[in-house]
C-alpha atoms as a PDB file:
ATOM      1  CA  MET A   1      -2.998 -22.913 -28.102  1.00  0.00           C
ATOM      2  CA  VAL A   2      -3.590 -20.021 -26.283  1.00  0.00           C
ATOM      3  CA  GLN A   3      -6.472 -18.596 -28.659  1.00  0.00           C
ATOM      4  CA  THR A   4      -8.157 -22.409 -27.723  1.00  0.00           C
ATOM      5  CA  GLY A   5      -7.927 -21.881 -24.152  1.00  0.00           C
ATOM      6  CA  GLY A   6      -4.336 -22.222 -23.023  1.00  0.00           C
ATOM      7  CA  LEU A   7      -2.995 -20.100 -20.376  1.00  0.00           C
ATOM      8  CA  MET A   8       0.134 -18.624 -21.791  1.00  0.00           C
ATOM      9  CA  SER A   9       2.417 -18.931 -24.522  1.00  0.00           C
ATOM     10  CA  TYR A  10       6.104 -17.883 -25.211  1.00  0.00           C
ATOM     11  CA  ALA A  11       6.959 -19.275 -28.838  1.00  0.00           C
ATOM     12  CA  PRO A  12       8.886 -17.963 -31.828  1.00  0.00           C
ATOM     13  CA  HIS A  13       7.109 -15.583 -34.318  1.00  0.00           C
ATOM     14  CA  PHE A  14       6.098 -17.779 -37.070  1.00  0.00           C
ATOM     15  CA  PRO A  15       5.576 -15.120 -39.549  1.00  0.00           C
ATOM     16  CA  ASP A  16       9.352 -14.215 -39.143  1.00  0.00           C
ATOM     17  CA  LEU A  17      10.451 -17.888 -39.376  1.00  0.00           C
ATOM     18  CA  TRP A  18       8.459 -18.246 -42.503  1.00  0.00           C
ATOM     19  CA  ARG A  19      10.456 -15.264 -44.051  1.00  0.00           C
ATOM     20  CA  ARG A  20      13.751 -16.529 -43.212  1.00  0.00           C
ATOM     21  CA  ALA A  21      12.799 -19.815 -44.584  1.00  0.00           C
ATOM     22  CA  ALA A  22      11.892 -18.230 -47.744  1.00  0.00           C
ATOM     23  CA  ASP A  23      15.480 -16.595 -47.766  1.00  0.00           C
ATOM     24  CA  TYR A  24      17.036 -20.182 -47.465  1.00  0.00           C
ATOM     25  CA  VAL A  25      14.861 -21.521 -50.549  1.00  0.00           C
ATOM     26  CA  ASP A  26      15.841 -18.117 -52.426  1.00  0.00           C
ATOM     27  CA  LYS A  27      19.714 -19.151 -51.888  1.00  0.00           C
ATOM     28  CA  ILE A  28      19.303 -22.668 -52.482  1.00  0.00           C
ATOM     29  CA  LEU A  29      17.582 -21.939 -55.799  1.00  0.00           C
ATOM     30  CA  ARG A  30      20.373 -19.692 -56.791  1.00  0.00           C
ATOM     31  CA  GLY A  31      22.820 -22.937 -56.320  1.00  0.00           C
ATOM     32  CA  ALA A  32      24.146 -22.644 -52.751  1.00  0.00           C
ATOM     33  CA  LYS A  33      24.503 -26.109 -51.175  1.00  0.00           C
ATOM     34  CA  PRO A  34      22.058 -26.547 -48.183  1.00  0.00           C
ATOM     35  CA  SER A  35      24.791 -27.927 -46.488  1.00  0.00           C
ATOM     36  CA  ASP A  36      26.781 -24.841 -46.670  1.00  0.00           C
ATOM     37  CA  LEU A  37      24.236 -22.582 -45.021  1.00  0.00           C
ATOM     38  CA  PRO A  38      24.134 -21.916 -41.158  1.00  0.00           C
ATOM     39  CA  VAL A  39      21.570 -23.065 -38.571  1.00  0.00           C
ATOM     40  CA  GLU A  40      19.793 -19.835 -37.469  1.00  0.00           C
ATOM     41  CA  GLN A  41      17.932 -19.613 -34.080  1.00  0.00           C
ATOM     42  CA  PRO A  42      14.662 -17.673 -33.861  1.00  0.00           C
ATOM     43  CA  THR A  43      15.304 -14.021 -32.914  1.00  0.00           C
ATOM     44  CA  LYS A  44      11.518 -12.857 -32.260  1.00  0.00           C
ATOM     45  CA  PHE A  45       9.574 -14.327 -29.845  1.00  0.00           C
ATOM     46  CA  ASN A  46       5.761 -13.753 -28.926  1.00  0.00           C
ATOM     47  CA  PHE A  47       4.289 -13.767 -25.377  1.00  0.00           C
ATOM     48  CA  VAL A  48       0.562 -14.326 -25.213  1.00  0.00           C
ATOM     49  CA  ILE A  49      -1.470 -14.258 -22.025  1.00  0.00           C
ATOM     50  CA  ASN A  50      -5.162 -15.413 -22.105  1.00  0.00           C
ATOM     51  CA  LEU A  51      -7.099 -13.366 -19.320  1.00  0.00           C
ATOM     52  CA  LYS A  52     -10.184 -15.903 -19.846  1.00  0.00           C
ATOM     53  CA  THR A  53      -8.376 -18.696 -18.779  1.00  0.00           C
ATOM     54  CA  ALA A  54      -6.593 -17.162 -15.968  1.00  0.00           C
ATOM     55  CA  LYS A  55      -9.868 -16.010 -14.433  1.00  0.00           C
ATOM     56  CA  ALA A  56     -11.447 -19.267 -14.975  1.00  0.00           C
ATOM     57  CA  MET A  57      -8.868 -20.797 -13.042  1.00  0.00           C
ATOM     58  CA  GLY A  58      -9.009 -17.975 -10.275  1.00  0.00           C
ATOM     59  CA  LEU A  59      -5.443 -16.685 -11.029  1.00  0.00           C
ATOM     60  CA  ASN A  60      -4.738 -12.897 -10.690  1.00  0.00           C
ATOM     61  CA  ILE A  61      -2.150 -11.829 -13.218  1.00  0.00           C
ATOM     62  CA  SER A  62       0.025  -9.257 -12.418  1.00  0.00           C
ATOM     63  CA  PRO A  63      -0.254  -5.728 -14.372  1.00  0.00           C
ATOM     64  CA  THR A  64       3.397  -5.857 -14.931  1.00  0.00           C
ATOM     65  CA  LEU A  65       3.337  -9.198 -16.526  1.00  0.00           C
ATOM     66  CA  LEU A  66       0.380  -7.927 -18.899  1.00  0.00           C
ATOM     67  CA  ALA A  67       2.538  -5.036 -20.039  1.00  0.00           C
ATOM     68  CA  ARG A  68       4.903  -7.332 -20.892  1.00  0.00           C
ATOM     69  CA  ALA A  69       2.719  -9.614 -23.291  1.00  0.00           C
ATOM     70  CA  ASP A  70       2.800  -8.981 -26.891  1.00  0.00           C
ATOM     71  CA  GLU A  71      -1.002  -9.853 -27.023  1.00  0.00           C
ATOM     72  CA  VAL A  72      -3.685 -10.294 -24.131  1.00  0.00           C
ATOM     73  CA  ILE A  73      -6.958 -12.317 -25.180  1.00  0.00           C
ATOM     74  CA  GLU A  74      -9.717 -11.200 -22.976  1.00  0.00           C
END
């Protein structure tokens, strides 16, 4: 959503989720029961800031916050 004009996003890292889903599929295809597999929470997250939107809204984003972002869209 940030790439289409949203201000900020803090969300799970989707490529990591897809890799973990592939592990589940592999286990199921090898004979594991889906009900026996544990439910896992995401462990990797991405923080993205859109500076173009921030400037359009008249917001100043602190340099500390920009340094913590995984991706900054200008």
